C-alpha atoms as a PDB file:
ATOM      1  CA  MET A   1       0.087   0.046   0.063  1.00  0.00           C
ATOM      2  CA  PHE A   2       3.009   2.530   0.756  1.00  0.00           C
ATOM      3  CA  GLU A   3       4.808   1.861  -2.403  1.00  0.00           C
ATOM      4  CA  GLN A   4       1.706   2.613  -4.273  1.00  0.00           C
ATOM      5  CA  LEU A   5       1.467   6.007  -2.652  1.00  0.00           C
ATOM      6  CA  LEU A   6       4.652   6.822  -2.961  1.00  0.00           C
ATOM      7  CA  ALA A   7       4.041   5.036  -7.109  1.00  0.00           C
ATOM      8  CA  LYS A   8       1.537   7.912  -7.184  1.00  0.00           C
ATOM      9  CA  PHE A   9       3.206  10.624  -5.956  1.00  0.00           C
ATOM     10  CA  HIS A  10       6.337   9.934  -8.235  1.00  0.00           C
ATOM     11  CA  SER A  11       3.887   9.990 -10.914  1.00  0.00           C
ATOM     12  CA  TYR A  12       2.878  13.465  -9.869  1.00  0.00           C
ATOM     13  CA  GLU A  13       6.092  14.364  -9.688  1.00  0.00           C
ATOM     14  CA  ILE A  14       7.165  13.264 -12.802  1.00  0.00           C
ATOM     15  CA  ALA A  15       4.324  14.993 -14.681  1.00  0.00           C
ATOM     16  CA  TYR A  16       4.693  18.449 -12.877  1.00  0.00           C
ATOM     17  CA  ARG A  17       8.680  18.358 -14.138  1.00  0.00           C
ATOM     18  CA  ASP A  18       7.907  17.287 -17.211  1.00  0.00           C
ATOM     19  CA  GLU A  19       5.421  20.197 -17.455  1.00  0.00           C
ATOM     20  CA  VAL A  20       7.677  23.052 -16.198  1.00  0.00           C
ATOM     21  CA  ILE A  21      10.488  21.594 -18.663  1.00  0.00           C
ATOM     22  CA  GLU A  22       7.826  22.052 -21.421  1.00  0.00           C
ATOM     23  CA  THR A  23       6.737  25.598 -20.914  1.00  0.00           C
ATOM     24  CA  ARG A  24      10.264  26.832 -19.933  1.00  0.00           C
ATOM     25  CA  ARG A  25      11.795  29.729 -21.773  1.00  0.00           C
ATOM     26  CA  ARG A  26      15.105  29.438 -23.912  1.00  0.00           C
ATOM     27  CA  PHE A  27      16.134  32.714 -22.707  1.00  0.00           C
ATOM     28  CA  LEU A  28      14.743  35.282 -20.194  1.00  0.00           C
ATOM     29  CA  ARG A  29      11.801  38.076 -21.810  1.00  0.00           C
ATOM     30  CA  HIS A  30      12.226  41.577 -21.202  1.00  0.00           C
ATOM     31  CA  ASP A  31       9.564  43.755 -21.603  1.00  0.00           C
ATOM     32  CA  GLY A  32       9.948  46.299 -24.288  1.00  0.00           C
ATOM     33  CA  MET A  33       9.297  49.901 -22.956  1.00  0.00           C
ATOM     34  CA  GLN A  34      10.740  52.675 -24.218  1.00  0.00           C
ATOM     35  CA  ALA A  35      11.599  50.834 -27.243  1.00  0.00           C
ATOM     36  CA  GLU A  36      10.656  50.101 -30.620  1.00  0.00           C
ATOM     37  CA  VAL A  37      11.400  47.404 -33.925  1.00  0.00           C
ATOM     38  CA  MET A  38      12.339  49.207 -36.909  1.00  0.00           C
ATOM     39  CA  LEU A  39      11.148  47.212 -39.990  1.00  0.00           C
ATOM     40  CA  ALA A  40      11.061  48.296 -43.700  1.00  0.00           C
ATOM     41  CA  GLY A  41      11.818  52.186 -42.218  1.00  0.00           C
ATOM     42  CA  ARG A  42       8.873  52.358 -39.972  1.00  0.00           C
ATOM     43  CA  PRO A  43       8.683  51.962 -36.035  1.00  0.00           C
ATOM     44  CA  TYR A  44       6.342  49.469 -34.547  1.00  0.00           C
ATOM     45  CA  ALA A  45       5.976  48.806 -30.362  1.00  0.00           C
ATOM     46  CA  LEU A  46       8.323  46.306 -28.993  1.00  0.00           C
ATOM     47  CA  HIS A  47       5.899  44.521 -26.351  1.00  0.00           C
ATOM     48  CA  ASP A  48       9.251  41.885 -25.255  1.00  0.00           C
ATOM     49  CA  TRP A  49      12.317  40.822 -26.375  1.00  0.00           C
ATOM     50  CA  SER A  50      14.602  38.169 -25.778  1.00  0.00           C
ATOM     51  CA  LEU A  51      17.670  36.726 -27.390  1.00  0.00           C
ATOM     52  CA  GLY A  52      15.863  34.207 -29.236  1.00  0.00           C
ATOM     53  CA  GLY A  53      13.335  36.778 -30.497  1.00  0.00           C
ATOM     54  CA  ALA A  54      10.953  39.521 -30.138  1.00  0.00           C
ATOM     55  CA  LEU A  55       6.796  40.072 -29.687  1.00  0.00           C
ATOM     56  CA  PHE A  56       6.244  43.646 -31.943  1.00  0.00           C
ATOM     57  CA  GLU A  57       3.194  45.176 -32.506  1.00  0.00           C
ATOM     58  CA  THR A  58       1.643  44.023 -36.298  1.00  0.00           C
ATOM     59  CA  PRO A  59       2.249  46.030 -38.986  1.00  0.00           C
ATOM     60  CA  ASN A  60      -0.988  46.906 -40.644  1.00  0.00           C
ATOM     61  CA  ALA A  61      -0.900  46.698 -44.460  1.00  0.00           C
ATOM     62  CA  ASP A  62      -4.353  47.364 -44.540  1.00  0.00           C
ATOM     63  CA  TRP A  63      -4.510  51.272 -43.660  1.00  0.00           C
ATOM     64  CA  ASN A  64      -3.931  52.544 -47.984  1.00  0.00           C
ATOM     65  CA  THR A  65      -6.238  50.155 -49.498  1.00  0.00           C
ATOM     66  CA  GLY A  66      -7.298  52.644 -51.463  1.00  0.00           C
ATOM     67  CA  GLU A  67      -3.747  53.827 -53.150  1.00  0.00           C
ATOM     68  CA  VAL A  68      -4.372  57.586 -52.720  1.00  0.00           C
ATOM     69  CA  TYR A  69      -1.163  58.634 -52.750  1.00  0.00           C
ATOM     70  CA  PHE A  70       2.447  57.242 -53.296  1.00  0.00           C
ATOM     71  CA  ASP A  71       4.203  55.760 -49.971  1.00  0.00           C
ATOM     72  CA  ARG A  72       8.150  55.671 -49.806  1.00  0.00           C
ATOM     73  CA  ASN A  73       7.844  53.148 -47.197  1.00  0.00           C
ATOM     74  CA  PRO A  74       5.226  50.709 -47.839  1.00  0.00           C
ATOM     75  CA  VAL A  75       3.679  48.752 -44.453  1.00  0.00           C
ATOM     76  CA  PRO A  76       5.187  45.465 -45.621  1.00  0.00           C
ATOM     77  CA  ARG A  77       3.151  42.029 -45.766  1.00  0.00           C
ATOM     78  CA  LEU A  78       4.271  39.905 -43.470  1.00  0.00           C
ATOM     79  CA  LYS A  79       3.570  36.296 -43.087  1.00  0.00           C
ATOM     80  CA  LYS A  80       4.533  33.288 -41.617  1.00  0.00           C
ATOM     81  CA  GLY A  81       8.186  32.261 -42.093  1.00  0.00           C
ATOM     82  CA  ASP A  82       9.401  35.315 -43.746  1.00  0.00           C
ATOM     83  CA  LYS A  83      13.045  36.475 -43.235  1.00  0.00           C
ATOM     84  CA  VAL A  84      12.955  40.287 -42.190  1.00  0.00           C
ATOM     85  CA  LYS A  85      15.539  42.569 -41.520  1.00  0.00           C
ATOM     86  CA  LEU A  86      14.650  44.178 -37.722  1.00  0.00           C
ATOM     87  CA  ALA A  87      16.623  47.120 -35.824  1.00  0.00           C
ATOM     88  CA  LEU A  88      15.431  46.795 -32.260  1.00  0.00           C
ATOM     89  CA  ARG A  89      15.784  50.345 -30.916  1.00  0.00           C
ATOM     90  CA  PHE A  90      15.949  50.885 -26.894  1.00  0.00           C
ATOM     91  CA  HIS A  91      16.049  54.375 -25.513  1.00  0.00           C
ATOM     92  CA  ILE A  92      17.849  54.331 -22.075  1.00  0.00           C
ATOM     93  CA  PHE A  93      19.786  57.346 -20.018  1.00  0.00           C
ATOM     94  CA  ASP A  94      20.063  60.021 -22.679  1.00  0.00           C
ATOM     95  CA  ARG A  95      21.211  57.463 -25.837  1.00  0.00           C
ATOM     96  CA  THR A  96      19.514  55.206 -28.317  1.00  0.00           C
ATOM     97  CA  LEU A  97      21.045  51.550 -28.591  1.00  0.00           C
ATOM     98  CA  GLU A  98      20.151  49.904 -31.872  1.00  0.00           C
ATOM     99  CA  ILE A  99      20.679  46.759 -32.576  1.00  0.00           C
ATOM    100  CA  PRO A 100      20.164  44.948 -36.527  1.00  0.00           C
ATOM    101  CA  VAL A 101      18.855  41.568 -35.984  1.00  0.00           C
ATOM    102  CA  GLU A 102      17.909  39.016 -38.882  1.00  0.00           C
ATOM    103  CA  GLY A 103      14.732  37.013 -38.004  1.00  0.00           C
ATOM    104  CA  THR A 104      11.689  34.410 -39.047  1.00  0.00           C
ATOM    105  CA  ILE A 105       8.590  35.522 -38.668  1.00  0.00           C
ATOM    106  CA  SER A 106       6.937  32.398 -36.231  1.00  0.00           C
ATOM    107  CA  ARG A 107       3.486  34.052 -35.418  1.00  0.00           C
ATOM    108  CA  MET A 108       1.111  36.572 -36.545  1.00  0.00           C
ATOM    109  CA  ASP A 109      -2.386  37.281 -34.472  1.00  0.00           C
ATOM    110  CA  ALA A 110      -4.188  40.228 -32.459  1.00  0.00           C
ATOM    111  CA  ARG A 111      -0.956  40.217 -29.896  1.00  0.00           C
ATOM    112  CA  GLY A 112       1.328  40.570 -32.351  1.00  0.00           C
ATOM    113  CA  THR A 113       4.086  39.622 -34.618  1.00  0.00           C
ATOM    114  CA  VAL A 114       6.776  37.238 -32.849  1.00  0.00           C
ATOM    115  CA  ALA A 115      10.261  36.912 -35.357  1.00  0.00           C
ATOM    116  CA  HIS A 116      12.438  34.353 -33.938  1.00  0.00           C
ATOM    117  CA  PHE A 117      16.058  35.403 -34.451  1.00  0.00           C
ATOM    118  CA  GLY A 118      18.886  32.738 -35.519  1.00  0.00           C
ATOM    119  CA  ASP A 119      22.028  32.349 -33.857  1.00  0.00           C
ATOM    120  CA  LEU A 120      23.288  35.647 -33.244  1.00  0.00           C
ATOM    121  CA  ALA A 121      26.638  36.677 -34.144  1.00  0.00           C
ATOM    122  CA  PRO A 122      29.128  37.516 -31.109  1.00  0.00           C
ATOM    123  CA  ALA A 123      28.878  40.871 -32.038  1.00  0.00           C
ATOM    124  CA  THR A 124      24.954  41.301 -31.595  1.00  0.00           C
ATOM    125  CA  ARG A 125      25.203  39.472 -28.194  1.00  0.00           C
ATOM    126  CA  LYS A 126      27.933  41.915 -27.541  1.00  0.00           C
ATOM    127  CA  GLN A 127      25.218  44.380 -27.742  1.00  0.00           C
ATOM    128  CA  PHE A 128      22.426  42.845 -26.072  1.00  0.00           C
ATOM    129  CA  ALA A 129      24.671  42.148 -23.143  1.00  0.00           C
ATOM    130  CA  LYS A 130      25.729  46.168 -23.294  1.00  0.00           C
ATOM    131  CA  LEU A 131      21.942  46.812 -23.307  1.00  0.00           C
ATOM    132  CA  THR A 132      21.277  44.102 -20.051  1.00  0.00           C
ATOM    133  CA  ASP A 133      24.397  46.339 -18.171  1.00  0.00           C
ATOM    134  CA  LEU A 134      22.979  49.493 -19.407  1.00  0.00           C
ATOM    135  CA  TYR A 135      18.771  48.143 -17.628  1.00  0.00           C
ATOM    136  CA  ASN A 136      20.820  46.883 -14.961  1.00  0.00           C
ATOM    137  CA  ALA A 137      22.377  50.197 -14.108  1.00  0.00           C
ATOM    138  CA  ARG A 138      19.193  52.217 -14.407  1.00  0.00           C
ATOM    139  CA  ASP A 139      17.344  49.620 -12.814  1.00  0.00           C
ATOM    140  CA  PHE A 140      20.163  50.221  -9.492  1.00  0.00           C
ATOM    141  CA  LEU A 141      20.012  53.733  -9.501  1.00  0.00           C
ATOM    142  CA  GLU A 142      16.450  54.056  -9.663  1.00  0.00           C
ATOM    143  CA  SER A 143      16.332  51.709  -6.758  1.00  0.00           C
ATOM    144  CA  GLN A 144      18.724  54.274  -4.760  1.00  0.00           C
ATOM    145  CA  ALA A 145      16.554  57.102  -5.509  1.00  0.00           C
ATOM    146  CA  GLY A 146      14.592  58.982  -3.103  1.00  0.00           C
ATOM    147  CA  ARG A 147      16.734  57.672  -0.216  1.00  0.00           C
ATOM    148  CA  GLY A 148      18.205  59.654   2.617  1.00  0.00           C
ATOM    149  CA  GLN A 149      21.062  61.363   2.662  1.00  0.00           C
ATOM    150  CA  ASN A 150      22.092  59.309   6.240  1.00  0.00           C
ATOM    151  CA  ASP A 151      23.788  55.838   6.027  1.00  0.00           C
ATOM    152  CA  ASN A 152      21.274  54.135   8.031  1.00  0.00           C
ATOM    153  CA  ASP A 153      18.851  55.321   5.394  1.00  0.00           C
ATOM    154  CA  PHE A 154      20.425  53.347   2.992  1.00  0.00           C
ATOM    155  CA  PHE A 155      20.754  49.959   5.025  1.00  0.00           C
ATOM    156  CA  GLY A 156      16.900  50.048   6.380  1.00  0.00           C
END
């Protein structure tokens, strides 16, 4: 009886572990606050990003269906599987850091468009590392803002 009970708990543990492993992301996701994606010369809101891809606002290709005027930068018509060149622009402190990447469109829906990046070049990985350092520095400075002048306030 006791062995049956242990076997049942063990099966729950395996199911839970498999579920966690299945839903675990390969890379940490970051929000896209103060950032955008440049696609075909147009900015689109960046919802979130990681070293594996980005979720951004879906381009609305139907806004000029009447073709009343000529547009130098037409809105791209994207579909799943398209390869695209993107530039992720991050506005942090007093600078804008732009990271060019190539991606493949994997999903387009009401939440946005997902582009998965292939293997990133070492220079691109270095730019993402610099961005992460800037975010960490900003978060630290924000955590210290408003602290009192007294050292006791710093630790309390």
